[in-house]
Amino acid sequence: MQRNAYGAVFAGTNSMATKAASLPAASSKPMAPPNVPLGPRILVEGWQYRLVGSAVIGRAHVGCPLEDCRKKGFWGAPEIPIVDSYRYIGKHHARLLLDSKGTCWIEDLNSLNGTAILRASRGRRTHSFYFQRLSPGVGYMLVNGDLVALASSSNRGPYLTISYHT
């Protein structure tokens, strides 16, 4: 089995294909048939989530019984739950927002390990890519194909990546 820099085991392709076939949605609307364009969506660990309005990404937990979640303004579990036994991802890590014009924004919700977007740097002779860490509470526009890292570290790299598609 392969492991990432944080020690987590990579999921096999068979299990990811099974998850992707289910196509859960962040909203209550069902996903479209395969031949119909899906619209704005994110891919997380082999699952597709259609974006409608706003959705919070965070560590899977049942409700928010702890007072610390309620102090931060959250009354329920995240709409896009991520199973993270290592606890690198916060309970309410980041918020995705689809505005009335169809533009998608991401905001770090003051998570401990941060959120970052993969950016390109063009030099005269070389091109390089790096993860730009997001400032908490500031919305960043996403474009088709953007890769977002949850719990990114400068020396270890991203813990988990999600991708945005239109």
N, C-alpha and C. Protein backbone atom coordinates (compact mmCIF):
# COMPACT_ATOMS: atom_id res chain seq x y z
N MET A 1 0.84 -1.19 0.00
CA MET A 1 0.00 0.00 0.00
C MET A 1 0.87 1.25 0.00
N GLN A 2 0.42 2.27 -0.72
CA GLN A 2 1.14 3.53 -0.73
C GLN A 2 0.61 4.43 0.38
N ARG A 3 1.49 5.26 0.92
CA ARG A 3 1.09 6.21 1.95
C ARG A 3 1.52 7.60 1.52
N ASN A 4 0.75 8.60 1.96
CA ASN A 4 1.15 9.98 1.66
C ASN A 4 2.11 10.47 2.73
N ALA A 5 2.52 11.73 2.65
CA ALA A 5 3.51 12.28 3.58
C ALA A 5 3.01 12.29 5.02
N TYR A 6 1.69 12.25 5.21
CA TYR A 6 1.12 12.27 6.56
C TYR A 6 0.89 10.87 7.11
N GLY A 7 1.21 9.84 6.31
CA GLY A 7 1.07 8.47 6.79
C GLY A 7 -0.26 7.83 6.44
N ALA A 8 -1.18 8.55 5.78
CA ALA A 8 -2.47 7.97 5.43
C ALA A 8 -2.32 7.09 4.20
N VAL A 9 -3.08 6.01 4.15
CA VAL A 9 -3.02 5.08 3.03
C VAL A 9 -3.84 5.63 1.88
N PHE A 10 -3.29 5.54 0.64
CA PHE A 10 -4.05 5.96 -0.53
C PHE A 10 -5.17 4.97 -0.78
N ALA A 11 -6.35 5.48 -1.15
CA ALA A 11 -7.47 4.60 -1.45
C ALA A 11 -7.23 3.93 -2.80
N GLY A 12 -7.71 2.70 -2.94
CA GLY A 12 -7.58 1.98 -4.21
C GLY A 12 -8.54 2.50 -5.25
N THR A 13 -8.22 2.24 -6.52
CA THR A 13 -9.07 2.76 -7.59
C THR A 13 -10.44 2.11 -7.59
N ASN A 14 -10.54 0.86 -7.20
CA ASN A 14 -11.84 0.21 -7.20
C ASN A 14 -12.80 0.88 -6.23
N SER A 15 -12.34 1.16 -5.01
CA SER A 15 -13.23 1.79 -4.04
C SER A 15 -13.59 3.21 -4.46
N MET A 16 -12.65 3.93 -5.12
CA MET A 16 -12.95 5.28 -5.56
C MET A 16 -13.98 5.26 -6.68
N ALA A 17 -13.92 4.28 -7.59
CA ALA A 17 -14.90 4.18 -8.68
C ALA A 17 -16.28 3.88 -8.10
N THR A 18 -16.33 3.06 -7.07
CA THR A 18 -17.61 2.74 -6.45
C THR A 18 -18.20 3.98 -5.80
N LYS A 19 -17.37 4.74 -5.10
CA LYS A 19 -17.86 5.97 -4.48
C LYS A 19 -18.35 6.96 -5.52
N ALA A 20 -17.60 7.12 -6.61
CA ALA A 20 -17.97 8.09 -7.64
C ALA A 20 -19.27 7.70 -8.32
N ALA A 21 -19.57 6.42 -8.37
CA ALA A 21 -20.82 5.98 -9.00
C ALA A 21 -22.03 6.42 -8.19
N SER A 22 -21.86 6.60 -6.88
CA SER A 22 -22.98 7.00 -6.03
C SER A 22 -23.36 8.46 -6.23
N LEU A 23 -22.38 9.32 -6.50
CA LEU A 23 -22.58 10.75 -6.74
C LEU A 23 -23.45 11.44 -5.70
N PRO A 24 -23.01 11.56 -4.45
CA PRO A 24 -23.78 12.32 -3.47
C PRO A 24 -23.74 13.80 -3.81
N ALA A 25 -24.73 14.53 -3.37
CA ALA A 25 -24.78 15.97 -3.66
C ALA A 25 -24.72 16.75 -2.36
N ALA A 26 -24.10 17.91 -2.40
CA ALA A 26 -24.04 18.77 -1.22
C ALA A 26 -25.41 19.37 -0.96
N SER A 27 -26.22 19.42 -1.97
CA SER A 27 -27.58 19.93 -1.82
C SER A 27 -28.53 18.75 -1.81
N SER A 28 -29.81 19.01 -1.64
CA SER A 28 -30.79 17.95 -1.64
C SER A 28 -31.22 17.55 -3.05
N LYS A 29 -30.72 18.28 -4.08
CA LYS A 29 -31.10 17.96 -5.46
C LYS A 29 -30.29 16.76 -5.95
N PRO A 30 -30.96 15.81 -6.65
CA PRO A 30 -30.23 14.65 -7.15
C PRO A 30 -29.30 15.03 -8.29
N MET A 31 -28.28 14.21 -8.51
CA MET A 31 -27.34 14.45 -9.58
C MET A 31 -27.99 14.12 -10.92
N ALA A 32 -27.51 14.75 -11.99
CA ALA A 32 -28.05 14.55 -13.32
C ALA A 32 -27.55 13.24 -13.91
N PRO A 33 -28.24 12.71 -14.94
CA PRO A 33 -27.74 11.51 -15.63
C PRO A 33 -26.35 11.78 -16.21
N PRO A 34 -25.57 10.72 -16.51
CA PRO A 34 -24.19 10.90 -16.96
C PRO A 34 -24.00 11.76 -18.20
N ASN A 35 -24.97 11.81 -19.13
CA ASN A 35 -24.78 12.55 -20.37
C ASN A 35 -25.19 14.02 -20.26
N VAL A 36 -25.68 14.46 -19.12
CA VAL A 36 -26.11 15.84 -18.91
C VAL A 36 -25.02 16.59 -18.16
N PRO A 37 -24.64 17.82 -18.58
CA PRO A 37 -23.63 18.58 -17.83
C PRO A 37 -24.06 18.77 -16.38
N LEU A 38 -23.13 18.56 -15.47
CA LEU A 38 -23.45 18.60 -14.05
C LEU A 38 -23.46 19.99 -13.45
N GLY A 39 -22.77 20.94 -14.05
CA GLY A 39 -22.66 22.26 -13.47
C GLY A 39 -21.55 22.29 -12.44
N PRO A 40 -21.48 23.36 -11.65
CA PRO A 40 -20.38 23.50 -10.68
C PRO A 40 -20.40 22.36 -9.66
N ARG A 41 -19.22 21.75 -9.46
CA ARG A 41 -19.12 20.64 -8.52
C ARG A 41 -17.67 20.51 -8.05
N ILE A 42 -17.50 19.81 -6.95
CA ILE A 42 -16.15 19.51 -6.46
C ILE A 42 -16.01 18.00 -6.35
N LEU A 43 -14.78 17.55 -6.47
CA LEU A 43 -14.46 16.14 -6.31
C LEU A 43 -13.62 15.99 -5.05
N VAL A 44 -14.10 15.14 -4.14
CA VAL A 44 -13.43 14.90 -2.87
C VAL A 44 -13.35 13.40 -2.66
N GLU A 45 -12.15 12.85 -2.62
CA GLU A 45 -11.93 11.44 -2.35
C GLU A 45 -12.81 10.53 -3.21
N GLY A 46 -12.96 10.87 -4.49
CA GLY A 46 -13.74 10.05 -5.40
C GLY A 46 -15.23 10.34 -5.40
N TRP A 47 -15.69 11.25 -4.57
CA TRP A 47 -17.10 11.63 -4.53
C TRP A 47 -17.28 12.96 -5.24
N GLN A 48 -18.41 13.12 -5.93
CA GLN A 48 -18.74 14.40 -6.56
C GLN A 48 -19.84 15.06 -5.74
N TYR A 49 -19.68 16.34 -5.49
CA TYR A 49 -20.69 17.12 -4.78
C TYR A 49 -21.09 18.29 -5.67
N ARG A 50 -22.35 18.36 -6.04
CA ARG A 50 -22.84 19.49 -6.82
C ARG A 50 -22.98 20.68 -5.88
N LEU A 51 -22.55 21.84 -6.34
CA LEU A 51 -22.61 23.04 -5.51
C LEU A 51 -23.88 23.83 -5.82
N VAL A 52 -24.65 24.09 -4.79
CA VAL A 52 -25.84 24.92 -4.88
C VAL A 52 -25.82 25.82 -3.65
N GLY A 53 -25.63 27.11 -3.85
CA GLY A 53 -25.57 28.03 -2.70
C GLY A 53 -24.25 27.91 -1.97
N SER A 54 -24.31 27.51 -0.72
CA SER A 54 -23.12 27.46 0.11
C SER A 54 -23.00 26.09 0.77
N ALA A 55 -21.77 25.63 0.97
CA ALA A 55 -21.53 24.34 1.63
C ALA A 55 -20.24 24.44 2.43
N VAL A 56 -20.22 23.79 3.59
CA VAL A 56 -19.04 23.76 4.45
C VAL A 56 -18.37 22.40 4.30
N ILE A 57 -17.04 22.42 4.16
CA ILE A 57 -16.23 21.20 4.12
C ILE A 57 -15.59 21.06 5.49
N GLY A 58 -15.63 19.85 6.04
CA GLY A 58 -15.00 19.65 7.33
C GLY A 58 -14.92 18.19 7.71
N ARG A 59 -14.28 17.95 8.84
CA ARG A 59 -14.15 16.59 9.35
C ARG A 59 -15.52 16.05 9.74
N ALA A 60 -15.80 14.84 9.32
CA ALA A 60 -17.09 14.22 9.61
C ALA A 60 -17.27 14.06 11.11
N HIS A 61 -18.39 14.57 11.61
CA HIS A 61 -18.78 14.38 13.00
C HIS A 61 -20.29 14.49 13.09
N VAL A 62 -20.87 13.88 14.08
CA VAL A 62 -22.31 13.86 14.21
C VAL A 62 -22.78 15.12 14.90
N GLY A 63 -23.48 15.97 14.15
CA GLY A 63 -24.00 17.20 14.73
C GLY A 63 -22.90 18.08 15.29
N CYS A 64 -23.26 19.01 16.08
CA CYS A 64 -22.30 19.87 16.76
C CYS A 64 -22.69 19.98 18.22
N PRO A 65 -22.57 18.88 18.96
CA PRO A 65 -22.97 18.92 20.37
C PRO A 65 -22.03 19.75 21.23
N LEU A 66 -20.80 19.91 20.76
CA LEU A 66 -19.84 20.66 21.56
C LEU A 66 -20.11 22.15 21.46
N GLU A 67 -19.90 22.83 22.53
CA GLU A 67 -20.16 24.27 22.56
C GLU A 67 -19.21 25.06 21.67
N ASP A 68 -18.01 24.52 21.40
CA ASP A 68 -17.07 25.27 20.56
C ASP A 68 -17.59 25.42 19.13
N CYS A 69 -18.32 24.45 18.61
CA CYS A 69 -18.90 24.57 17.26
C CYS A 69 -19.96 25.67 17.26
N ARG A 70 -20.78 25.69 18.26
CA ARG A 70 -21.85 26.69 18.32
C ARG A 70 -21.31 28.09 18.54
N LYS A 71 -20.22 28.22 19.27
CA LYS A 71 -19.60 29.54 19.46
C LYS A 71 -19.09 30.10 18.14
N LYS A 72 -18.70 29.21 17.24
CA LYS A 72 -18.21 29.63 15.92
C LYS A 72 -19.34 29.84 14.92
N GLY A 73 -20.58 29.60 15.34
CA GLY A 73 -21.73 29.84 14.46
C GLY A 73 -22.20 28.64 13.66
N PHE A 74 -21.79 27.44 14.02
CA PHE A 74 -22.21 26.24 13.31
C PHE A 74 -23.17 25.44 14.17
N TRP A 75 -24.28 25.04 13.58
CA TRP A 75 -25.31 24.31 14.32
C TRP A 75 -25.47 22.88 13.82
N GLY A 76 -24.70 22.51 12.83
CA GLY A 76 -24.80 21.16 12.30
C GLY A 76 -23.47 20.71 11.72
N ALA A 77 -23.45 19.46 11.34
CA ALA A 77 -22.25 18.88 10.73
C ALA A 77 -22.03 19.50 9.35
N PRO A 78 -20.82 19.43 8.81
CA PRO A 78 -20.55 20.00 7.48
C PRO A 78 -21.34 19.28 6.39
N GLU A 79 -21.70 20.03 5.35
CA GLU A 79 -22.45 19.44 4.23
C GLU A 79 -21.57 18.51 3.40
N ILE A 80 -20.26 18.76 3.41
CA ILE A 80 -19.32 17.89 2.71
C ILE A 80 -18.38 17.30 3.76
N PRO A 81 -18.76 16.13 4.31
CA PRO A 81 -17.96 15.53 5.39
C PRO A 81 -16.77 14.75 4.85
N ILE A 82 -15.64 14.86 5.55
CA ILE A 82 -14.43 14.13 5.19
C ILE A 82 -14.01 13.29 6.39
N VAL A 83 -13.83 12.00 6.16
CA VAL A 83 -13.39 11.11 7.23
C VAL A 83 -11.89 11.32 7.40
N ASP A 84 -11.50 11.79 8.57
CA ASP A 84 -10.10 12.11 8.85
C ASP A 84 -9.76 11.68 10.27
N SER A 85 -9.29 10.46 10.41
CA SER A 85 -8.96 9.95 11.74
C SER A 85 -7.72 10.61 12.33
N TYR A 86 -6.90 11.24 11.48
CA TYR A 86 -5.69 11.91 11.98
C TYR A 86 -5.98 13.32 12.48
N ARG A 87 -7.14 13.84 12.20
CA ARG A 87 -7.61 15.15 12.67
C ARG A 87 -6.77 16.33 12.17
N TYR A 88 -6.32 16.24 10.92
CA TYR A 88 -5.63 17.38 10.31
C TYR A 88 -6.63 18.39 9.76
N ILE A 89 -7.81 17.92 9.42
CA ILE A 89 -8.85 18.77 8.86
C ILE A 89 -9.79 19.17 9.98
N GLY A 90 -10.14 20.46 10.04
CA GLY A 90 -11.01 20.96 11.09
C GLY A 90 -12.45 20.49 10.92
N LYS A 91 -13.22 20.54 11.99
CA LYS A 91 -14.63 20.15 11.93
C LYS A 91 -15.39 21.02 10.93
N HIS A 92 -15.04 22.27 10.85
CA HIS A 92 -15.61 23.22 9.88
C HIS A 92 -14.41 23.93 9.26
N HIS A 93 -13.83 23.32 8.24
CA HIS A 93 -12.54 23.74 7.71
C HIS A 93 -12.63 24.89 6.71
N ALA A 94 -13.51 24.76 5.71
CA ALA A 94 -13.62 25.78 4.66
C ALA A 94 -15.06 25.86 4.17
N ARG A 95 -15.39 27.01 3.59
CA ARG A 95 -16.74 27.21 3.05
C ARG A 95 -16.64 27.47 1.55
N LEU A 96 -17.49 26.81 0.78
CA LEU A 96 -17.62 27.05 -0.65
C LEU A 96 -18.91 27.82 -0.87
N LEU A 97 -18.86 28.83 -1.72
CA LEU A 97 -20.05 29.64 -1.97
C LEU A 97 -20.18 29.85 -3.47
N LEU A 98 -21.35 29.54 -4.00
CA LEU A 98 -21.66 29.77 -5.40
C LEU A 98 -22.57 30.99 -5.45
N ASP A 99 -22.07 32.10 -6.02
CA ASP A 99 -22.87 33.33 -6.03
C ASP A 99 -23.90 33.31 -7.16
N SER A 100 -24.71 34.36 -7.24
CA SER A 100 -25.81 34.42 -8.21
C SER A 100 -25.32 34.45 -9.66
N LYS A 101 -24.06 34.83 -9.89
CA LYS A 101 -23.50 34.87 -11.24
C LYS A 101 -22.87 33.53 -11.64
N GLY A 102 -22.86 32.56 -10.72
CA GLY A 102 -22.27 31.26 -11.00
C GLY A 102 -20.80 31.16 -10.67
N THR A 103 -20.24 32.18 -10.02
CA THR A 103 -18.83 32.17 -9.63
C THR A 103 -18.70 31.44 -8.29
N CYS A 104 -17.71 30.57 -8.19
CA CYS A 104 -17.48 29.82 -6.95
C CYS A 104 -16.36 30.47 -6.15
N TRP A 105 -16.58 30.61 -4.86
CA TRP A 105 -15.61 31.20 -3.94
C TRP A 105 -15.31 30.20 -2.84
N ILE A 106 -14.08 30.22 -2.35
CA ILE A 106 -13.72 29.40 -1.21
C ILE A 106 -13.15 30.30 -0.12
N GLU A 107 -13.47 29.97 1.12
CA GLU A 107 -13.03 30.76 2.27
C GLU A 107 -12.55 29.80 3.35
N ASP A 108 -11.36 30.04 3.87
CA ASP A 108 -10.85 29.26 4.99
C ASP A 108 -11.56 29.75 6.25
N LEU A 109 -12.08 28.82 7.04
CA LEU A 109 -12.82 29.19 8.23
C LEU A 109 -11.93 29.19 9.47
N ASN A 110 -10.77 29.81 9.34
CA ASN A 110 -9.82 29.94 10.44
C ASN A 110 -9.36 28.56 10.93
N SER A 111 -9.11 27.66 9.97
CA SER A 111 -8.68 26.31 10.32
C SER A 111 -7.23 26.33 10.80
N LEU A 112 -6.90 25.41 11.66
CA LEU A 112 -5.57 25.35 12.24
C LEU A 112 -4.49 25.02 11.20
N ASN A 113 -4.76 24.07 10.30
CA ASN A 113 -3.77 23.64 9.32
C ASN A 113 -3.94 24.31 7.96
N GLY A 114 -4.88 25.21 7.83
CA GLY A 114 -5.00 26.04 6.65
C GLY A 114 -5.57 25.39 5.40
N THR A 115 -5.80 26.24 4.41
CA THR A 115 -6.31 25.86 3.10
C THR A 115 -5.44 26.58 2.08
N ALA A 116 -5.17 25.93 0.94
CA ALA A 116 -4.32 26.52 -0.08
C ALA A 116 -4.83 26.16 -1.47
N ILE A 117 -4.52 27.01 -2.46
CA ILE A 117 -4.91 26.78 -3.85
C ILE A 117 -3.63 26.62 -4.66
N LEU A 118 -3.62 25.63 -5.58
CA LEU A 118 -2.47 25.42 -6.44
C LEU A 118 -2.40 26.54 -7.46
N ARG A 119 -1.27 27.21 -7.53
CA ARG A 119 -1.05 28.33 -8.46
C ARG A 119 0.18 28.05 -9.31
N ALA A 120 0.25 28.69 -10.47
CA ALA A 120 1.39 28.54 -11.37
C ALA A 120 2.25 29.79 -11.31
N SER A 121 3.56 29.59 -11.36
CA SER A 121 4.51 30.69 -11.40
C SER A 121 5.28 30.56 -12.70
N ARG A 122 5.26 31.60 -13.52
CA ARG A 122 5.93 31.53 -14.82
C ARG A 122 7.19 32.38 -14.80
N GLY A 123 8.29 31.73 -15.03
CA GLY A 123 9.56 32.44 -15.16
C GLY A 123 9.92 32.56 -16.62
N ARG A 124 11.09 33.06 -16.89
CA ARG A 124 11.52 33.23 -18.29
C ARG A 124 11.72 31.88 -18.96
N ARG A 125 12.29 30.93 -18.22
CA ARG A 125 12.60 29.63 -18.83
C ARG A 125 11.90 28.46 -18.16
N THR A 126 11.41 28.66 -16.97
CA THR A 126 10.79 27.54 -16.25
C THR A 126 9.41 27.94 -15.72
N HIS A 127 8.61 26.95 -15.54
CA HIS A 127 7.31 27.12 -14.91
C HIS A 127 7.32 26.25 -13.65
N SER A 128 6.73 26.76 -12.59
CA SER A 128 6.62 25.96 -11.37
C SER A 128 5.24 26.15 -10.77
N PHE A 129 4.88 25.21 -9.94
CA PHE A 129 3.58 25.26 -9.28
C PHE A 129 3.80 25.25 -7.78
N TYR A 130 2.95 25.96 -7.07
CA TYR A 130 3.05 26.02 -5.62
C TYR A 130 1.65 26.21 -5.04
N PHE A 131 1.48 25.86 -3.77
CA PHE A 131 0.22 26.06 -3.09
C PHE A 131 0.25 27.41 -2.39
N GLN A 132 -0.69 28.29 -2.76
CA GLN A 132 -0.81 29.59 -2.12
C GLN A 132 -1.77 29.45 -0.95
N ARG A 133 -1.27 29.71 0.25
CA ARG A 133 -2.09 29.58 1.45
C ARG A 133 -3.10 30.72 1.51
N LEU A 134 -4.35 30.40 1.87
CA LEU A 134 -5.41 31.39 1.93
C LEU A 134 -5.45 32.06 3.29
N SER A 135 -5.75 33.34 3.29
CA SER A 135 -5.94 34.05 4.55
C SER A 135 -7.33 33.71 5.08
N PRO A 136 -7.46 33.42 6.37
CA PRO A 136 -8.76 33.08 6.93
C PRO A 136 -9.76 34.22 6.78
N GLY A 137 -11.00 33.85 6.46
CA GLY A 137 -12.08 34.84 6.37
C GLY A 137 -12.13 35.61 5.07
N VAL A 138 -11.25 35.32 4.12
CA VAL A 138 -11.22 36.03 2.84
C VAL A 138 -11.66 35.06 1.74
N GLY A 139 -12.56 35.51 0.87
CA GLY A 139 -13.03 34.66 -0.22
C GLY A 139 -12.07 34.70 -1.40
N TYR A 140 -11.77 33.55 -1.98
CA TYR A 140 -10.91 33.42 -3.14
C TYR A 140 -11.72 32.77 -4.26
N MET A 141 -11.66 33.35 -5.45
CA MET A 141 -12.42 32.83 -6.58
C MET A 141 -11.75 31.56 -7.12
N LEU A 142 -12.60 30.57 -7.42
CA LEU A 142 -12.11 29.33 -8.02
C LEU A 142 -12.46 29.32 -9.51
N VAL A 143 -11.60 28.75 -10.31
CA VAL A 143 -11.86 28.58 -11.74
C VAL A 143 -11.81 27.08 -12.05
N ASN A 144 -12.38 26.72 -13.19
CA ASN A 144 -12.47 25.32 -13.58
C ASN A 144 -11.10 24.64 -13.52
N GLY A 145 -11.04 23.51 -12.82
CA GLY A 145 -9.81 22.74 -12.70
C GLY A 145 -8.93 23.10 -11.53
N ASP A 146 -9.31 24.10 -10.73
CA ASP A 146 -8.49 24.47 -9.57
C ASP A 146 -8.36 23.30 -8.60
N LEU A 147 -7.19 23.17 -8.03
CA LEU A 147 -6.90 22.16 -7.03
C LEU A 147 -6.72 22.87 -5.70
N VAL A 148 -7.47 22.45 -4.70
CA VAL A 148 -7.45 23.07 -3.37
C VAL A 148 -6.90 22.06 -2.37
N ALA A 149 -5.95 22.49 -1.57
CA ALA A 149 -5.36 21.62 -0.54
C ALA A 149 -5.96 21.97 0.81
N LEU A 150 -6.43 20.96 1.51
CA LEU A 150 -6.89 21.13 2.88
C LEU A 150 -5.77 20.62 3.78
N ALA A 151 -5.41 21.39 4.77
CA ALA A 151 -4.33 21.05 5.70
C ALA A 151 -3.01 20.93 4.95
N SER A 152 -2.56 22.02 4.38
CA SER A 152 -1.32 22.04 3.62
C SER A 152 -0.18 22.56 4.49
N SER A 153 0.97 21.92 4.36
CA SER A 153 2.17 22.31 5.10
C SER A 153 3.28 22.60 4.10
N SER A 154 4.08 23.62 4.35
CA SER A 154 5.14 23.98 3.41
C SER A 154 6.22 22.90 3.31
N ASN A 155 6.48 22.15 4.36
CA ASN A 155 7.51 21.12 4.29
C ASN A 155 6.97 19.72 4.01
N ARG A 156 5.69 19.46 4.26
CA ARG A 156 5.12 18.14 4.01
C ARG A 156 4.18 18.10 2.82
N GLY A 157 3.74 19.26 2.35
CA GLY A 157 2.82 19.31 1.22
C GLY A 157 1.37 19.22 1.66
N PRO A 158 0.46 18.99 0.71
CA PRO A 158 -0.97 18.92 1.05
C PRO A 158 -1.35 17.59 1.68
N TYR A 159 -2.24 17.64 2.63
CA TYR A 159 -2.75 16.42 3.28
C TYR A 159 -3.87 15.82 2.45
N LEU A 160 -4.78 16.66 1.97
CA LEU A 160 -5.91 16.21 1.16
C LEU A 160 -6.20 17.27 0.11
N THR A 161 -6.42 16.86 -1.13
CA THR A 161 -6.76 17.82 -2.17
C THR A 161 -8.16 17.56 -2.70
N ILE A 162 -8.82 18.66 -3.09
CA ILE A 162 -10.11 18.58 -3.74
C ILE A 162 -9.98 19.37 -5.03
N SER A 163 -10.82 19.06 -6.00
CA SER A 163 -10.77 19.81 -7.26
C SER A 163 -12.14 20.38 -7.59
N TYR A 164 -12.12 21.55 -8.25
CA TYR A 164 -13.34 22.27 -8.62
C TYR A 164 -13.54 22.16 -10.13
N HIS A 165 -14.76 21.87 -10.54
CA HIS A 165 -15.08 21.73 -11.96
C HIS A 165 -16.41 22.41 -12.27
N THR A 166 -16.51 22.96 -13.48
CA THR A 166 -17.76 23.58 -13.91
C THR A 166 -18.44 22.72 -14.96
